[in-house]
Protein backbone atom coordinates (compact mmCIF):
# COMPACT_ATOMS: atom_id res chain seq x y z
CA MET A 1 -29.46 -4.07 4.40
CA LYS A 2 -28.25 -1.46 3.26
CA PRO A 3 -24.88 -0.13 4.94
CA THR A 4 -25.89 3.29 6.30
CA GLN A 5 -22.11 4.47 7.14
CA ARG A 6 -18.79 4.27 5.55
CA PHE A 7 -16.25 2.58 6.96
CA PRO A 8 -12.70 3.48 7.03
CA ARG A 9 -10.62 2.23 3.57
CA LEU A 10 -8.11 2.39 1.48
CA SER A 11 -9.08 2.74 -2.51
CA LEU A 12 -6.89 1.35 -4.65
CA ALA A 13 -6.59 4.68 -6.80
CA ALA A 14 -5.29 6.03 -3.77
CA LEU A 15 -2.51 3.33 -3.11
CA ALA A 16 -1.70 3.86 -6.93
CA TRP A 17 -1.95 7.23 -6.58
CA ALA A 18 1.28 6.90 -3.54
CA PHE A 19 3.82 5.51 -6.59
CA ALA A 20 2.88 8.53 -8.62
CA GLY A 21 5.74 10.39 -7.42
CA SER A 22 4.43 13.87 -8.20
CA ALA A 23 6.51 17.24 -6.72
CA LEU A 24 3.51 19.15 -4.92
CA ALA A 25 5.48 22.51 -4.77
CA GLN A 26 6.10 23.83 -1.33
CA GLY A 27 6.08 27.53 -0.16
CA VAL A 28 8.22 29.45 1.91
CA LEU A 29 5.77 29.19 5.48
CA ALA A 30 4.28 26.13 4.58
CA PRO A 31 2.94 23.68 7.57
CA PRO A 32 5.57 21.51 9.55
CA ALA A 33 5.20 17.81 8.24
CA PRO A 34 3.13 15.28 9.63
CA PRO A 35 5.35 13.27 12.06
CA GLN A 36 6.80 10.25 10.67
CA ASP A 37 4.69 7.08 10.59
CA THR A 38 5.75 4.41 13.07
CA LEU A 39 7.07 1.70 10.14
CA THR A 40 9.30 4.34 8.56
CA ARG A 41 11.09 5.25 11.76
CA ALA A 42 11.13 1.04 12.23
CA ALA A 43 12.71 0.32 8.77
CA THR A 44 15.28 2.86 8.87
CA SER A 45 15.80 2.33 12.55
CA VAL A 46 17.20 -1.64 11.21
CA GLY A 47 19.20 0.02 8.27
CA VAL A 48 16.53 -0.16 5.08
CA LYS A 49 17.58 2.44 2.80
CA ARG A 50 16.91 1.18 -0.95
CA CYS A 51 12.98 0.42 -0.61
CA LEU A 52 12.76 3.34 1.99
CA PRO A 53 11.21 5.64 0.08
CA ALA A 54 8.51 3.07 -0.74
CA ILE A 55 8.04 2.10 2.80
CA THR A 56 7.12 5.85 3.86
CA ARG A 57 4.86 6.46 0.80
CA LEU A 58 2.40 3.31 1.70
CA ALA A 59 2.93 3.52 5.42
CA THR A 60 2.24 7.19 5.50
CA LEU A 61 -1.78 7.01 3.54
CA THR A 62 -1.92 3.45 5.06
CA VAL A 63 -1.73 4.78 8.80
CA GLN A 64 -3.74 8.73 7.50
CA GLY A 65 -6.54 9.04 9.23
CA SER A 66 -5.86 6.61 12.57
CA ARG A 67 -5.87 7.60 16.24
CA SER A 68 -2.99 5.80 16.44
CA HIS A 69 -0.85 2.93 15.49
CA ASP A 70 1.87 0.41 16.04
CA VAL A 71 3.91 -1.76 13.68
CA LEU A 72 5.62 -5.45 13.79
CA LEU A 73 8.21 -5.69 11.65
CA ASP A 74 10.78 -8.31 10.17
CA TRP A 75 14.09 -7.93 8.28
CA ASP A 76 16.69 -10.15 7.01
CA ARG A 77 19.38 -9.07 10.22
CA LYS A 78 22.51 -10.13 7.78
CA ARG A 79 21.02 -7.62 5.10
CA PRO A 80 18.84 -5.03 6.35
CA ASP A 81 19.08 -2.94 3.25
CA GLY A 82 19.75 -6.00 0.53
CA GLY A 83 17.06 -8.29 1.70
CA PRO A 84 13.32 -7.94 2.22
CA ILE A 85 11.15 -6.51 4.90
CA PHE A 86 8.02 -7.48 6.10
CA SER A 87 5.54 -5.47 8.44
CA LEU A 88 2.39 -5.70 9.93
CA ILE A 89 0.35 -2.71 11.54
CA GLY A 90 -2.18 -2.21 13.86
CA MET A 91 -4.07 0.40 13.38
CA GLU A 92 -7.19 2.11 15.66
CA PHE A 93 -9.94 4.04 14.30
CA PRO A 94 -12.91 5.70 16.17
CA ASN A 95 -15.03 2.97 15.46
CA ALA A 96 -12.72 0.18 14.05
CA GLY A 97 -9.61 -1.85 14.20
CA VAL A 98 -7.74 -2.03 10.90
CA ALA A 99 -4.98 -4.12 9.85
CA ALA A 100 -2.41 -3.76 7.22
CA SER A 101 0.57 -5.39 5.89
CA ILE A 102 3.42 -3.87 3.83
CA THR A 103 6.03 -6.00 2.02
CA ALA A 104 8.75 -4.30 0.21
CA ILE A 105 11.86 -6.11 -1.80
CA PRO A 106 15.01 -5.07 -3.56
CA ASP A 107 16.62 -6.39 -6.31
CA ASP A 108 19.93 -5.83 -7.83
CA SER A 109 19.01 -3.38 -10.57
CA GLY A 110 18.13 -1.22 -7.12
CA ALA A 111 13.96 -1.58 -7.88
CA CYS A 112 11.95 -2.68 -5.52
CA THR A 113 9.05 -5.01 -5.31
CA VAL A 114 6.19 -3.90 -3.14
CA SER A 115 3.11 -4.95 -1.71
CA ALA A 116 0.25 -3.25 0.97
CA GLU A 117 -2.76 -5.04 1.81
CA ARG A 118 -5.36 -3.99 4.37
CA ILE A 119 -7.81 -5.79 6.37
CA SER A 120 -10.80 -4.70 7.67
CA VAL A 121 -14.14 -5.95 8.77
CA ALA A 122 -17.40 -3.94 7.82
CA PRO A 123 -20.88 -4.67 10.23
CA PHE A 124 -22.43 -5.40 6.77
CA THR A 125 -22.88 -7.81 4.16
CA CYS A 126 -20.27 -8.85 1.49
CA ALA A 127 -22.64 -8.46 -0.96
CA SER A 128 -23.96 -4.99 0.07
CA VAL A 129 -20.25 -3.68 0.84
CA GLY A 130 -20.00 -4.97 -2.61
CA GLN A 131 -22.23 -2.81 -4.78
CA GLN A 132 -22.21 0.12 -2.40
CA GLU A 133 -18.55 0.28 -3.06
CA LEU A 134 -17.19 -1.25 -6.23
CA GLY A 135 -20.01 -0.90 -8.14
CA SER A 136 -17.89 -0.12 -11.15
CA TYR A 137 -15.27 -3.31 -10.61
CA LYS A 138 -15.52 -6.98 -12.36
CA MET A 139 -16.33 -9.51 -9.51
CA THR A 140 -15.02 -13.30 -9.48
CA ARG A 141 -16.53 -15.54 -7.36
CA LEU A 142 -13.68 -17.95 -6.00
CA LEU A 143 -15.76 -19.82 -2.93
CA PRO A 144 -19.42 -19.42 -2.34
CA ASN A 145 -18.38 -16.79 0.87
CA TYR A 146 -15.02 -15.39 -1.16
CA ALA A 147 -15.23 -13.15 -3.93
CA VAL A 148 -12.85 -10.94 -5.86
CA TYR A 149 -12.85 -7.13 -7.20
CA THR A 150 -11.01 -6.41 -9.91
CA ASP A 151 -10.76 -2.92 -11.78
CA GLU A 152 -8.52 -3.05 -15.11
CA LYS A 153 -7.47 0.44 -15.01
CA GLU A 154 -5.48 -1.01 -11.76
CA PRO A 155 -4.27 -4.39 -13.12
CA THR A 156 -1.72 -5.08 -9.70
CA SER A 157 -4.52 -3.94 -7.45
CA SER A 158 -7.68 -6.49 -6.26
CA VAL A 159 -10.53 -6.33 -3.12
CA SER A 160 -11.39 -9.30 -1.76
CA LEU A 161 -14.34 -9.95 0.24
CA ILE A 162 -15.52 -12.85 2.59
CA ASP A 163 -18.52 -13.51 4.21
CA SER A 164 -17.82 -13.51 8.05
CA PRO A 165 -21.30 -13.02 9.52
CA PRO A 166 -22.29 -10.88 11.15
CA GLY A 167 -19.91 -8.74 8.95
CA CYS A 168 -17.93 -8.70 5.89
CA LEU A 169 -13.87 -9.48 5.96
CA ILE A 170 -12.16 -6.53 3.43
CA ILE A 171 -8.40 -7.32 2.01
CA ARG A 172 -7.66 -4.85 -0.35
CA ARG A 173 -4.26 -5.78 -1.80
CA TYR A 174 -2.19 -3.71 -3.93
CA VAL A 175 1.82 -4.74 -5.98
CA GLU A 176 4.38 -3.00 -7.63
CA TYR A 177 7.49 -4.60 -9.48
CA GLY A 178 10.27 -3.19 -10.08
CA TRP A 179 9.47 0.03 -8.31
CA ARG A 180 11.78 3.05 -8.69
CA ASP A 181 12.05 5.98 -6.28
CA PRO A 182 11.00 9.30 -8.62
CA ALA A 183 13.15 11.65 -6.65
CA ALA A 184 16.31 9.41 -6.67
CA ALA A 185 18.99 10.40 -9.80
CA PRO A 186 18.78 8.08 -12.94
CA VAL A 187 20.61 4.53 -12.99
CA ALA A 188 23.52 5.15 -15.14
CA ALA A 189 23.91 3.03 -18.06
CA PRO A 190 26.87 0.19 -18.73
CA ALA A 191 29.20 1.78 -20.47
CA GLY A 192 28.89 1.17 -25.09
CA ALA A 193 25.27 0.31 -24.01
CA GLY A 194 22.55 2.21 -26.85
CA ALA A 195 20.41 4.32 -26.47
CA THR A 196 17.72 3.48 -24.42
CA GLN A 197 13.89 4.38 -23.94
CA PRO A 198 12.97 6.88 -21.47
CA PRO A 199 12.14 6.01 -18.13
CA LYS A 200 8.16 5.03 -17.55
CA LYS A 201 6.12 7.19 -15.53
CA ARG A 202 4.65 6.37 -12.37
């Protein structure tokens, strides 16, 4: 049976866009910014700074469209801005409950490794979900009930479909290594260092 309605999802392209860092011009009479997401508030309250822009980009996109959401947070109490931060977000949508996980790990260079997973259940078979939503993706069968879909244009993203009758468990995953805030000042090169290549655009 083909699905007759679309389910809440977080597209891989949208996740990638969250890290593009494109500046959007704002007029003098721009509308007020939306309320800050719960994960950003929680991370800020415990002292997370270096990876906060990455967390905010992913969290804002993740909770978009939800009626309400809340977060479970874990972090290194001794080094809140130097250690990893792990979060589990629960979201309420009009017709479904969705969970998401966002992790950020700073490194000594000032960059962050970040990952995001969004977990939902569709009231359809995984075959129909794959056909409707992931027709252009490459499918790899890991188990009889477990298939992973990837797109070569987004090599650090994947969608896993796990048959869980009468529905389908969907896990959308995104990872990026060495993420830097596009709005931050560039890191100064060490004294005596030779010419370096321009920063990679994201």
